[in-house]
């Protein structure tokens, strides 16, 4: 009877009515976060071939100028990740991963409407 006092054991031994073991909640969350990241990044990368046309529509009509702005656009995302990943990682170690995940999601929700 004591082994059911530990919630991890109770979840790992739980079974669906069909006899299959249930997936623990953290695995479901991991799958959902992975899928949301995959589809979100895929959507952003589908727009990449059109960025030169967008930059040209903004006024960069010469090839050299357009290429410079497309390069800056492309590098800016990777540079910001390289700079801020250690900062957000140390904040997650200090304050917890859940609060950092919530911060990232709420900031994305606030910034994405302005990207258009």
PDB file of N, CA and C in Angstrom:
ATOM      1  N   UNK A   1       0.816  -1.197   0.000  1.00  0.00           N
ATOM      2  CA  UNK A   1       0.000   0.000   0.000  1.00  0.00           C
ATOM      3  C   UNK A   1       0.857   1.257   0.000  1.00  0.00           C
ATOM      4  N   UNK A   2       2.079   1.206   0.583  1.00  0.00           N
ATOM      5  CA  UNK A   2       2.918   2.386   0.681  1.00  0.00           C
ATOM      6  C   UNK A   2       3.413   2.861  -0.677  1.00  0.00           C
ATOM      7  N   UNK A   3       3.562   1.961  -1.641  1.00  0.00           N
ATOM      8  CA  UNK A   3       4.104   2.374  -2.925  1.00  0.00           C
ATOM      9  C   UNK A   3       3.158   3.326  -3.661  1.00  0.00           C
ATOM     10  N   UNK A   4       1.879   3.345  -3.331  1.00  0.00           N
ATOM     11  CA  UNK A   4       0.947   4.261  -3.985  1.00  0.00           C
ATOM     12  C   UNK A   4       0.947   5.642  -3.349  1.00  0.00           C
ATOM     13  N   UNK A   5       1.694   5.827  -2.274  1.00  0.00           N
ATOM     14  CA  UNK A   5       1.824   7.150  -1.689  1.00  0.00           C
ATOM     15  C   UNK A   5       2.720   8.036  -2.557  1.00  0.00           C
ATOM     16  N   UNK A   6       3.613   7.414  -3.313  1.00  0.00           N
ATOM     17  CA  UNK A   6       4.476   8.166  -4.229  1.00  0.00           C
ATOM     18  C   UNK A   6       3.714   8.369  -5.531  1.00  0.00           C
ATOM     19  N   UNK A   7       3.386   9.617  -5.903  1.00  0.00           N
ATOM     20  CA  UNK A   7       2.578   9.849  -7.104  1.00  0.00           C
ATOM     21  C   UNK A   7       3.261   9.373  -8.385  1.00  0.00           C
ATOM     22  N   UNK A   8       4.597   9.356  -8.409  1.00  0.00           N
ATOM     23  CA  UNK A   8       5.293   8.887  -9.609  1.00  0.00           C
ATOM     24  C   UNK A   8       5.033   7.404  -9.850  1.00  0.00           C
ATOM     25  N   UNK A   9       4.988   6.629  -8.783  1.00  0.00           N
ATOM     26  CA  UNK A   9       4.716   5.199  -8.941  1.00  0.00           C
ATOM     27  C   UNK A   9       3.272   4.960  -9.348  1.00  0.00           C
ATOM     28  N   UNK A  10       2.369   5.745  -8.786  1.00  0.00           N
ATOM     29  CA  UNK A  10       0.955   5.572  -9.125  1.00  0.00           C
ATOM     30  C   UNK A  10       0.712   5.876 -10.594  1.00  0.00           C
ATOM     31  N   UNK A  11       1.370   6.900 -11.127  1.00  0.00           N
ATOM     32  CA  UNK A  11       1.184   7.259 -12.529  1.00  0.00           C
ATOM     33  C   UNK A  11       1.818   6.216 -13.435  1.00  0.00           C
ATOM     34  N   UNK A  12       3.007   5.728 -13.048  1.00  0.00           N
ATOM     35  CA  UNK A  12       3.692   4.780 -13.920  1.00  0.00           C
ATOM     36  C   UNK A  12       2.974   3.438 -13.979  1.00  0.00           C
ATOM     37  N   UNK A  13       2.194   3.103 -12.964  1.00  0.00           N
ATOM     38  CA  UNK A  13       1.491   1.833 -12.964  1.00  0.00           C
ATOM     39  C   UNK A  13       0.037   1.972 -13.399  1.00  0.00           C
ATOM     40  N   UNK A  14      -0.410   3.190 -13.706  1.00  0.00           N
ATOM     41  CA  UNK A  14      -1.789   3.396 -14.140  1.00  0.00           C
ATOM     42  C   UNK A  14      -1.962   2.857 -15.551  1.00  0.00           C
ATOM     43  N   UNK A  15      -3.133   2.337 -15.822  1.00  0.00           N
ATOM     44  CA  UNK A  15      -3.410   1.769 -17.136  1.00  0.00           C
ATOM     45  C   UNK A  15      -4.730   2.297 -17.658  1.00  0.00           C
ATOM     46  N   UNK A  16      -4.802   2.399 -18.946  1.00  0.00           N
ATOM     47  CA  UNK A  16      -6.025   2.770 -19.640  1.00  0.00           C
ATOM     48  C   UNK A  16      -6.975   1.578 -19.591  1.00  0.00           C
ATOM     49  N   UNK A  17      -8.230   1.800 -19.897  1.00  0.00           N
ATOM     50  CA  UNK A  17      -9.210   0.708 -19.888  1.00  0.00           C
ATOM     51  C   UNK A  17      -8.822  -0.389 -20.877  1.00  0.00           C
ATOM     52  N   UNK A  18      -8.070  -0.037 -21.932  1.00  0.00           N
ATOM     53  CA  UNK A  18      -7.667  -1.036 -22.918  1.00  0.00           C
ATOM     54  C   UNK A  18      -6.493  -1.881 -22.438  1.00  0.00           C
ATOM     55  N   UNK A  19      -5.916  -1.536 -21.291  1.00  0.00           N
ATOM     56  CA  UNK A  19      -4.801  -2.309 -20.771  1.00  0.00           C
ATOM     57  C   UNK A  19      -3.448  -1.683 -21.056  1.00  0.00           C
ATOM     58  N   UNK A  20      -3.402  -0.636 -21.895  1.00  0.00           N
ATOM     59  CA  UNK A  20      -2.131   0.047 -22.187  1.00  0.00           C
ATOM     60  C   UNK A  20      -1.788   0.994 -21.047  1.00  0.00           C
ATOM     61  N   UNK A  21      -0.505   1.125 -20.729  1.00  0.00           N
ATOM     62  CA  UNK A  21      -0.137   2.085 -19.676  1.00  0.00           C
ATOM     63  C   UNK A  21      -0.368   3.522 -20.143  1.00  0.00           C
ATOM     64  N   UNK A  22      -0.792   4.385 -19.218  1.00  0.00           N
ATOM     65  CA  UNK A  22      -0.999   5.802 -19.528  1.00  0.00           C
ATOM     66  C   UNK A  22       0.335   6.515 -19.624  1.00  0.00           C
ATOM     67  N   UNK A  23       0.396   7.532 -20.477  1.00  0.00           N
ATOM     68  CA  UNK A  23       1.599   8.339 -20.599  1.00  0.00           C
ATOM     69  C   UNK A  23       1.627   9.335 -19.438  1.00  0.00           C
ATOM     70  N   UNK A  24       2.761   9.457 -18.740  1.00  0.00           N
ATOM     71  CA  UNK A  24       2.829  10.445 -17.654  1.00  0.00           C
ATOM     72  C   UNK A  24       2.605  11.856 -18.193  1.00  0.00           C
ATOM     73  N   UNK A  25       2.146  12.740 -17.321  1.00  0.00           N
ATOM     74  CA  UNK A  25       1.802  14.107 -17.727  1.00  0.00           C
ATOM     75  C   UNK A  25       2.998  14.845 -18.309  1.00  0.00           C
ATOM     76  N   UNK A  26       4.197  14.640 -17.763  1.00  0.00           N
ATOM     77  CA  UNK A  26       5.348  15.384 -18.267  1.00  0.00           C
ATOM     78  C   UNK A  26       5.693  14.969 -19.690  1.00  0.00           C
ATOM     79  N   UNK A  27       5.432  13.707 -20.042  1.00  0.00           N
ATOM     80  CA  UNK A  27       5.712  13.268 -21.413  1.00  0.00           C
ATOM     81  C   UNK A  27       4.709  13.884 -22.387  1.00  0.00           C
ATOM     82  N   UNK A  28       3.450  13.994 -21.970  1.00  0.00           N
ATOM     83  CA  UNK A  28       2.449  14.648 -22.809  1.00  0.00           C
ATOM     84  C   UNK A  28       2.832  16.113 -23.027  1.00  0.00           C
ATOM     85  N   UNK A  29       3.247  16.779 -21.949  1.00  0.00           N
ATOM     86  CA  UNK A  29       3.655  18.177 -22.063  1.00  0.00           C
ATOM     87  C   UNK A  29       4.857  18.323 -22.986  1.00  0.00           C
ATOM     88  N   UNK A  30       5.807  17.414 -22.875  1.00  0.00           N
ATOM     89  CA  UNK A  30       6.995  17.462 -23.727  1.00  0.00           C
ATOM     90  C   UNK A  30       6.611  17.320 -25.196  1.00  0.00           C
ATOM     91  N   UNK A  31       5.722  16.391 -25.497  1.00  0.00           N
ATOM     92  CA  UNK A  31       5.286  16.189 -26.878  1.00  0.00           C
ATOM     93  C   UNK A  31       4.575  17.441 -27.395  1.00  0.00           C
ATOM     94  N   UNK A  32       3.705  18.029 -26.587  1.00  0.00           N
ATOM     95  CA  UNK A  32       2.970  19.221 -27.016  1.00  0.00           C
ATOM     96  C   UNK A  32       3.887  20.427 -27.206  1.00  0.00           C
ATOM     97  N   UNK A  33       4.853  20.613 -26.316  1.00  0.00           N
ATOM     98  CA  UNK A  33       5.800  21.722 -26.470  1.00  0.00           C
ATOM     99  C   UNK A  33       6.652  21.507 -27.708  1.00  0.00           C
ATOM    100  N   UNK A  34       7.099  20.286 -27.932  1.00  0.00           N
ATOM    101  CA  UNK A  34       7.914  19.988 -29.111  1.00  0.00           C
ATOM    102  C   UNK A  34       7.129  20.269 -30.390  1.00  0.00           C
ATOM    103  N   UNK A  35       5.882  19.817 -30.431  1.00  0.00           N
ATOM    104  CA  UNK A  35       5.063  20.051 -31.624  1.00  0.00           C
ATOM    105  C   UNK A  35       4.796  21.535 -31.849  1.00  0.00           C
ATOM    106  N   UNK A  36       4.526  22.274 -30.781  1.00  0.00           N
ATOM    107  CA  UNK A  36       4.266  23.706 -30.947  1.00  0.00           C
ATOM    108  C   UNK A  36       5.518  24.428 -31.444  1.00  0.00           C
ATOM    109  N   UNK A  37       6.677  24.065 -30.942  1.00  0.00           N
ATOM    110  CA  UNK A  37       7.914  24.672 -31.420  1.00  0.00           C
ATOM    111  C   UNK A  37       8.178  24.301 -32.881  1.00  0.00           C
ATOM    112  N   UNK A  38       7.954  23.053 -33.213  1.00  0.00           N
ATOM    113  CA  UNK A  38       8.181  22.592 -34.583  1.00  0.00           C
ATOM    114  C   UNK A  38       7.309  23.357 -35.569  1.00  0.00           C
ATOM    115  N   UNK A  39       6.013  23.435 -35.285  1.00  0.00           N
ATOM    116  CA  UNK A  39       5.103  24.110 -36.206  1.00  0.00           C
ATOM    117  C   UNK A  39       5.341  25.622 -36.238  1.00  0.00           C
ATOM    118  N   UNK A  40       5.665  26.210 -35.096  1.00  0.00           N
ATOM    119  CA  UNK A  40       5.953  27.636 -35.057  1.00  0.00           C
ATOM    120  C   UNK A  40       7.189  27.983 -35.873  1.00  0.00           C
ATOM    121  N   UNK A  41       8.262  27.240 -35.691  1.00  0.00           N
ATOM    122  CA  UNK A  41       9.489  27.505 -36.446  1.00  0.00           C
ATOM    123  C   UNK A  41       9.321  27.180 -37.921  1.00  0.00           C
ATOM    124  N   UNK A  42       8.561  26.143 -38.225  1.00  0.00           N
ATOM    125  CA  UNK A  42       8.304  25.810 -39.626  1.00  0.00           C
ATOM    126  C   UNK A  42       7.563  26.955 -40.309  1.00  0.00           C
ATOM    127  N   UNK A  43       6.595  27.532 -39.626  1.00  0.00           N
ATOM    128  CA  UNK A  43       5.863  28.659 -40.194  1.00  0.00           C
ATOM    129  C   UNK A  43       6.764  29.852 -40.457  1.00  0.00           C
ATOM    130  N   UNK A  44       7.672  30.141 -39.530  1.00  0.00           N
ATOM    131  CA  UNK A  44       8.594  31.250 -39.740  1.00  0.00           C
ATOM    132  C   UNK A  44       9.527  30.971 -40.909  1.00  0.00           C
ATOM    133  N   UNK A  45      10.005  29.736 -41.040  1.00  0.00           N
ATOM    134  CA  UNK A  45      10.954  29.431 -42.112  1.00  0.00           C
ATOM    135  C   UNK A  45      10.289  29.380 -43.479  1.00  0.00           C
ATOM    136  N   UNK A  46       8.989  29.145 -43.550  1.00  0.00           N
ATOM    137  CA  UNK A  46       8.304  29.206 -44.833  1.00  0.00           C
ATOM    138  C   UNK A  46       8.290  30.632 -45.390  1.00  0.00           C
ATOM    139  N   UNK A  47       8.424  31.624 -44.525  1.00  0.00           N
ATOM    140  CA  UNK A  47       8.431  33.017 -44.973  1.00  0.00           C
ATOM    141  C   UNK A  47       9.803  33.467 -45.466  1.00  0.00           C
ATOM    142  N   UNK A  48      10.856  32.751 -45.137  1.00  0.00           N
ATOM    143  CA  UNK A  48      12.213  33.193 -45.482  1.00  0.00           C
ATOM    144  C   UNK A  48      12.443  33.438 -46.975  1.00  0.00           C
ATOM    145  N   UNK A  49      11.945  32.626 -47.895  1.00  0.00           N
ATOM    146  CA  UNK A  49      12.207  32.924 -49.312  1.00  0.00           C
ATOM    147  C   UNK A  49      11.599  34.243 -49.786  1.00  0.00           C
ATOM    148  N   UNK A  50      10.628  34.764 -49.068  1.00  0.00           N
ATOM    149  CA  UNK A  50       9.957  35.986 -49.480  1.00  0.00           C
ATOM    150  C   UNK A  50      10.544  37.244 -48.842  1.00  0.00           C
ATOM    151  N   UNK A  51      11.492  37.093 -47.940  1.00  0.00           N
ATOM    152  CA  UNK A  51      12.072  38.247 -47.245  1.00  0.00           C
ATOM    153  C   UNK A  51      12.755  39.223 -48.209  1.00  0.00           C
ATOM    154  N   UNK A  52      13.512  38.762 -49.217  1.00  0.00           N
ATOM    155  CA  UNK A  52      14.102  39.749 -50.146  1.00  0.00           C
ATOM    156  C   UNK A  52      13.052  40.606 -50.843  1.00  0.00           C
ATOM    157  N   UNK A  53      11.925  40.021 -51.195  1.00  0.00           N
ATOM    158  CA  UNK A  53      10.855  40.795 -51.833  1.00  0.00           C
ATOM    159  C   UNK A  53      10.244  41.802 -50.850  1.00  0.00           C
ATOM    160  N   UNK A  54      10.132  41.384 -49.605  1.00  0.00           N
ATOM    161  CA  UNK A  54       9.589  42.269 -48.574  1.00  0.00           C
ATOM    162  C   UNK A  54      10.531  43.446 -48.334  1.00  0.00           C
ATOM    163  N   UNK A  55      11.828  43.166 -48.253  1.00  0.00           N
ATOM    164  CA  UNK A  55      12.817  44.225 -48.056  1.00  0.00           C
ATOM    165  C   UNK A  55      12.806  45.170 -49.250  1.00  0.00           C
ATOM    166  N   UNK A  56      12.654  44.631 -50.447  1.00  0.00           N
ATOM    167  CA  UNK A  56      12.595  45.460 -51.646  1.00  0.00           C
ATOM    168  C   UNK A  56      11.352  46.356 -51.614  1.00  0.00           C
ATOM    169  N   UNK A  57      10.240  45.816 -51.137  1.00  0.00           N
ATOM    170  CA  UNK A  57       9.016  46.607 -51.044  1.00  0.00           C
ATOM    171  C   UNK A  57       9.146  47.717 -50.000  1.00  0.00           C
ATOM    172  N   UNK A  58      10.027  47.529 -49.022  1.00  0.00           N
ATOM    173  CA  UNK A  58      10.253  48.559 -48.009  1.00  0.00           C
ATOM    174  C   UNK A  58      11.151  49.687 -48.500  1.00  0.00           C
ATOM    175  N   UNK A  59      11.764  49.520 -49.697  1.00  0.00           N
ATOM    176  CA  UNK A  59      12.528  50.621 -50.267  1.00  0.00           C
ATOM    177  C   UNK A  59      13.962  50.306 -50.632  1.00  0.00           C
ATOM    178  N   UNK A  60      14.461  49.139 -50.305  1.00  0.00           N
ATOM    179  CA  UNK A  60      15.835  48.768 -50.661  1.00  0.00           C
ATOM    180  C   UNK A  60      15.809  48.183 -52.067  1.00  0.00           C
ATOM    181  N   UNK A  61      15.928  49.049 -53.081  1.00  0.00           N
ATOM    182  CA  UNK A  61      15.759  48.602 -54.466  1.00  0.00           C
ATOM    183  C   UNK A  61      17.049  48.104 -55.100  1.00  0.00           C
ATOM    184  N   UNK A  62      18.205  48.603 -54.669  1.00  0.00           N
ATOM    185  CA  UNK A  62      19.465  48.136 -55.245  1.00  0.00           C
ATOM    186  C   UNK A  62      19.850  46.785 -54.653  1.00  0.00           C
ATOM    187  N   UNK A  63      20.478  45.934 -55.469  1.00  0.00           N
ATOM    188  CA  UNK A  63      20.788  44.560 -55.063  1.00  0.00           C
ATOM    189  C   UNK A  63      21.698  44.512 -53.842  1.00  0.00           C
ATOM    190  N   UNK A  64      22.721  45.340 -53.814  1.00  0.00           N
ATOM    191  CA  UNK A  64      23.659  45.321 -52.683  1.00  0.00           C
ATOM    192  C   UNK A  64      22.997  45.717 -51.382  1.00  0.00           C
ATOM    193  N   UNK A  65      22.182  46.760 -51.441  1.00  0.00           N
ATOM    194  CA  UNK A  65      21.482  47.230 -50.246  1.00  0.00           C
ATOM    195  C   UNK A  65      20.465  46.190 -49.765  1.00  0.00           C
ATOM    196  N   UNK A  66      19.741  45.617 -50.729  1.00  0.00           N
ATOM    197  CA  UNK A  66      18.762  44.583 -50.383  1.00  0.00           C
ATOM    198  C   UNK A  66      19.455  43.386 -49.739  1.00  0.00           C
ATOM    199  N   UNK A  67      20.569  42.942 -50.309  1.00  0.00           N
ATOM    200  CA  UNK A  67      21.294  41.803 -49.754  1.00  0.00           C
ATOM    201  C   UNK A  67      21.810  42.091 -48.348  1.00  0.00           C
ATOM    202  N   UNK A  68      22.261  43.325 -48.124  1.00  0.00           N
ATOM    203  CA  UNK A  68      22.746  43.692 -46.795  1.00  0.00           C
ATOM    204  C   UNK A  68      21.618  43.585 -45.765  1.00  0.00           C
ATOM    205  N   UNK A  69      20.421  44.112 -46.097  1.00  0.00           N
ATOM    206  CA  UNK A  69      19.308  44.086 -45.147  1.00  0.00           C
ATOM    207  C   UNK A  69      18.793  42.665 -44.921  1.00  0.00           C
ATOM    208  N   UNK A  70      18.789  41.844 -45.951  1.00  0.00           N
ATOM    209  CA  UNK A  70      18.365  40.450 -45.778  1.00  0.00           C
ATOM    210  C   UNK A  70      19.363  39.712 -44.894  1.00  0.00           C
ATOM    211  N   UNK A  71      20.651  39.994 -45.075  1.00  0.00           N
ATOM    212  CA  UNK A  71      21.676  39.372 -44.233  1.00  0.00           C
ATOM    213  C   UNK A  71      21.531  39.814 -42.787  1.00  0.00           C
ATOM    214  N   UNK A  72      21.312  41.098 -42.568  1.00  0.00           N
ATOM    215  CA  UNK A  72      21.118  41.595 -41.200  1.00  0.00           C
ATOM    216  C   UNK A  72      19.888  40.940 -40.572  1.00  0.00           C
ATOM    217  N   UNK A  73      18.820  40.839 -41.336  1.00  0.00           N
ATOM    218  CA  UNK A  73      17.598  40.190 -40.850  1.00  0.00           C
ATOM    219  C   UNK A  73      17.871  38.737 -40.463  1.00  0.00           C
ATOM    220  N   UNK A  74      18.609  38.033 -41.305  1.00  0.00           N
ATOM    221  CA  UNK A  74      18.880  36.613 -41.056  1.00  0.00           C
ATOM    222  C   UNK A  74      19.792  36.404 -39.857  1.00  0.00           C
ATOM    223  N   UNK A  75      20.799  37.248 -39.714  1.00  0.00           N
ATOM    224  CA  UNK A  75      21.777  37.078 -38.646  1.00  0.00           C
ATOM    225  C   UNK A  75      21.236  37.555 -37.300  1.00  0.00           C
ATOM    226  N   UNK A  76      20.322  38.508 -37.310  1.00  0.00           N
ATOM    227  CA  UNK A  76      19.836  39.098 -36.061  1.00  0.00           C
ATOM    228  C   UNK A  76      19.207  38.062 -35.133  1.00  0.00           C
ATOM    229  N   UNK A  77      18.430  37.147 -35.677  1.00  0.00           N
ATOM    230  CA  UNK A  77      17.805  36.127 -34.835  1.00  0.00           C
ATOM    231  C   UNK A  77      18.817  35.216 -34.177  1.00  0.00           C
ATOM    232  N   UNK A  78      19.791  34.745 -34.957  1.00  0.00           N
ATOM    233  CA  UNK A  78      20.812  33.857 -34.403  1.00  0.00           C
ATOM    234  C   UNK A  78      21.706  34.592 -33.406  1.00  0.00           C
ATOM    235  N   UNK A  79      22.024  35.848 -33.683  1.00  0.00           N
ATOM    236  CA  UNK A  79      22.855  36.621 -32.762  1.00  0.00           C
ATOM    237  C   UNK A  79      22.137  36.841 -31.432  1.00  0.00           C
ATOM    238  N   UNK A  80      20.843  37.145 -31.497  1.00  0.00           N
ATOM    239  CA  UNK A  80      20.106  37.360 -30.250  1.00  0.00           C
ATOM    240  C   UNK A  80      20.004  36.072 -29.439  1.00  0.00           C
ATOM    241  N   UNK A  81      19.844  34.936 -30.105  1.00  0.00           N
ATOM    242  CA  UNK A  81      19.814  33.656 -29.395  1.00  0.00           C
ATOM    243  C   UNK A  81      21.169  33.383 -28.748  1.00  0.00           C
ATOM    244  N   UNK A  82      22.252  33.652 -29.469  1.00  0.00           N
ATOM    245  CA  UNK A  82      23.589  33.418 -28.925  1.00  0.00           C
ATOM    246  C   UNK A  82      23.869  34.309 -27.721  1.00  0.00           C
ATOM    247  N   UNK A  83      23.347  35.524 -27.745  1.00  0.00           N
ATOM    248  CA  UNK A  83      23.594  36.449 -26.636  1.00  0.00           C
ATOM    249  C   UNK A  83      22.702  36.144 -25.436  1.00  0.00           C
ATOM    250  N   UNK A  84      21.421  35.910 -25.679  1.00  0.00           N
ATOM    251  CA  UNK A  84      20.468  35.820 -24.572  1.00  0.00           C
ATOM    252  C   UNK A  84      20.248  34.412 -24.020  1.00  0.00           C
ATOM    253  N   UNK A  85      20.637  33.379 -24.724  1.00  0.00           N
ATOM    254  CA  UNK A  85      20.441  32.018 -24.199  1.00  0.00           C
ATOM    255  C   UNK A  85      21.127  31.803 -22.854  1.00  0.00           C
ATOM    256  N   UNK A  86      22.382  32.194 -22.689  1.00  0.00           N
ATOM    257  CA  UNK A  86      22.989  32.019 -21.364  1.00  0.00           C
ATOM    258  C   UNK A  86      22.307  32.842 -20.285  1.00  0.00           C
ATOM    259  N   UNK A  87      21.816  34.013 -20.650  1.00  0.00           N
ATOM    260  CA  UNK A  87      21.141  34.863 -19.664  1.00  0.00           C
ATOM    261  C   UNK A  87      19.841  34.210 -19.210  1.00  0.00           C
ATOM    262  N   UNK A  88      19.008  33.748 -20.172  1.00  0.00           N
ATOM    263  CA  UNK A  88      17.747  33.116 -19.806  1.00  0.00           C
ATOM    264  C   UNK A  88      17.992  31.771 -19.130  1.00  0.00           C
ATOM    265  N   UNK A  89      19.058  31.077 -19.509  1.00  0.00           N
ATOM    266  CA  UNK A  89      19.388  29.808 -18.847  1.00  0.00           C
ATOM    267  C   UNK A  89      19.741  30.008 -17.381  1.00  0.00           C
ATOM    268  N   UNK A  90      20.534  31.026 -17.084  1.00  0.00           N
ATOM    269  CA  UNK A  90      20.875  31.280 -15.678  1.00  0.00           C
ATOM    270  C   UNK A  90      19.653  31.764 -14.898  1.00  0.00           C
ATOM    271  N   UNK A  91      18.773  32.533 -15.562  1.00  0.00           N
ATOM    272  CA  UNK A  91      17.534  32.948 -14.894  1.00  0.00           C
ATOM    273  C   UNK A  91      16.645  31.744 -14.605  1.00  0.00           C
ATOM    274  N   UNK A  92      16.612  30.780 -15.528  1.00  0.00           N
ATOM    275  CA  UNK A  92      15.822  29.559 -15.299  1.00  0.00           C
ATOM    276  C   UNK A  92      16.401  28.741 -14.157  1.00  0.00           C
ATOM    277  N   UNK A  93      17.722  28.698 -14.058  1.00  0.00           N
ATOM    278  CA  UNK A  93      18.342  27.984 -12.935  1.00  0.00           C
ATOM    279  C   UNK A  93      18.035  28.666 -11.611  1.00  0.00           C
ATOM    280  N   UNK A  94      17.969  29.978 -11.632  1.00  0.00           N
ATOM    281  CA  UNK A  94      17.748  30.735 -10.403  1.00  0.00           C
ATOM    282  C   UNK A  94      16.278  30.760  -9.992  1.00  0.00           C
ATOM    283  N   UNK A  95      15.365  30.993 -10.962  1.00  0.00           N
ATOM    284  CA  UNK A  95      13.955  31.195 -10.631  1.00  0.00           C
ATOM    285  C   UNK A  95      13.048  30.029 -10.989  1.00  0.00           C
ATOM    286  N   UNK A  96      13.526  29.108 -11.808  1.00  0.00           N
ATOM    287  CA  UNK A  96      12.727  27.955 -12.203  1.00  0.00           C
ATOM    288  C   UNK A  96      12.405  27.965 -13.684  1.00  0.00           C
ATOM    289  N   UNK A  97      12.312  26.780 -14.242  1.00  0.00           N
ATOM    290  CA  UNK A  97      12.073  26.650 -15.682  1.00  0.00           C
ATOM    291  C   UNK A  97      10.648  27.004 -16.066  1.00  0.00           C
ATOM    292  N   UNK A  98       9.704  26.683 -15.201  1.00  0.00           N
ATOM    293  CA  UNK A  98       8.300  26.939 -15.537  1.00  0.00           C
ATOM    294  C   UNK A  98       8.035  28.428 -15.709  1.00  0.00           C
ATOM    295  N   UNK A  99       8.552  29.249 -14.815  1.00  0.00           N
ATOM    296  CA  UNK A  99       8.323  30.690 -14.911  1.00  0.00           C
ATOM    297  C   UNK A  99       9.004  31.258 -16.156  1.00  0.00           C
ATOM    298  N   UNK A 100      10.141  30.705 -16.543  1.00  0.00           N
ATOM    299  CA  UNK A 100      10.827  31.173 -17.751  1.00  0.00           C
ATOM    300  C   UNK A 100      10.061  30.754 -19.006  1.00  0.00           C
ATOM    301  N   UNK A 101       9.457  29.579 -18.983  1.00  0.00           N
ATOM    302  CA  UNK A 101       8.636  29.146 -20.111  1.00  0.00           C
ATOM    303  C   UNK A 101       7.415  30.040 -20.254  1.00  0.00           C
ATOM    304  N   UNK A 102       6.788  30.377 -19.141  1.00  0.00           N
ATOM    305  CA  UNK A 102       5.640  31.282 -19.173  1.00  0.00           C
ATOM    306  C   UNK A 102       6.052  32.669 -19.657  1.00  0.00           C
ATOM    307  N   UNK A 103       7.202  33.166 -19.197  1.00  0.00           N
ATOM    308  CA  UNK A 103       7.700  34.453 -19.650  1.00  0.00           C
ATOM    309  C   UNK A 103       7.907  34.458 -21.162  1.00  0.00           C
ATOM    310  N   UNK A 104       8.533  33.402 -21.670  1.00  0.00           N
ATOM    311  CA  UNK A 104       8.796  33.319 -23.108  1.00  0.00           C
ATOM    312  C   UNK A 104       7.494  33.278 -23.907  1.00  0.00           C
ATOM    313  N   UNK A 105       6.535  32.500 -23.450  1.00  0.00           N
ATOM    314  CA  UNK A 105       5.267  32.395 -24.178  1.00  0.00           C
ATOM    315  C   UNK A 105       4.495  33.711 -24.163  1.00  0.00           C
ATOM    316  N   UNK A 106       4.446  34.394 -23.016  1.00  0.00           N
ATOM    317  CA  UNK A 106       3.721  35.660 -22.945  1.00  0.00           C
ATOM    318  C   UNK A 106       4.424  36.744 -23.757  1.00  0.00           C
ATOM    319  N   UNK A 107       5.760  36.757 -23.739  1.00  0.00           N
ATOM    320  CA  UNK A 107       6.490  37.741 -24.562  1.00  0.00           C
ATOM    321  C   UNK A 107       6.267  37.474 -26.041  1.00  0.00           C
ATOM    322  N   UNK A 108       6.283  36.213 -26.434  1.00  0.00           N
ATOM    323  CA  UNK A 108       6.005  35.887 -27.836  1.00  0.00           C
ATOM    324  C   UNK A 108       4.595  36.314 -28.229  1.00  0.00           C
ATOM    325  N   UNK A 109       3.639  36.070 -27.355  1.00  0.00           N
ATOM    326  CA  UNK A 109       2.255  36.459 -27.643  1.00  0.00           C
ATOM    327  C   UNK A 109       2.117  37.968 -27.785  1.00  0.00           C
ATOM    328  N   UNK A 110       2.939  38.727 -27.053  1.00  0.00           N
ATOM    329  CA  UNK A 110       2.877  40.180 -27.140  1.00  0.00           C
ATOM    330  C   UNK A 110       3.619  40.717 -28.364  1.00  0.00           C
ATOM    331  N   UNK A 111       4.694  40.053 -28.785  1.00  0.00           N
ATOM    332  CA  UNK A 111       5.534  40.570 -29.868  1.00  0.00           C
ATOM    333  C   UNK A 111       5.059  40.146 -31.246  1.00  0.00           C
ATOM    334  N   UNK A 112       4.557  38.941 -31.397  1.00  0.00           N
ATOM    335  CA  UNK A 112       4.201  38.409 -32.713  1.00  0.00           C
ATOM    336  C   UNK A 112       3.184  39.281 -33.460  1.00  0.00           C
ATOM    337  N   UNK A 113       2.171  39.854 -32.809  1.00  0.00           N
ATOM    338  CA  UNK A 113       1.260  40.733 -33.572  1.00  0.00           C
ATOM    339  C   UNK A 113       1.949  41.943 -34.197  1.00  0.00           C
ATOM    340  N   UNK A 114       3.041  42.403 -33.600  1.00  0.00           N
ATOM    341  CA  UNK A 114       3.749  43.567 -34.151  1.00  0.00           C
ATOM    342  C   UNK A 114       4.665  43.194 -35.310  1.00  0.00           C
ATOM    343  N   UNK A 115       4.906  41.913 -35.525  1.00  0.00           N
ATOM    344  CA  UNK A 115       5.810  41.495 -36.598  1.00  0.00           C
ATOM    345  C   UNK A 115       5.218  41.782 -37.979  1.00  0.00           C
ATOM    346  N   UNK A 116       3.912  41.801 -38.093  1.00  0.00           N
ATOM    347  CA  UNK A 116       3.279  42.093 -39.368  1.00  0.00           C
ATOM    348  C   UNK A 116       3.458  43.536 -39.748  1.00  0.00           C
TER     349      UNK A 116
END
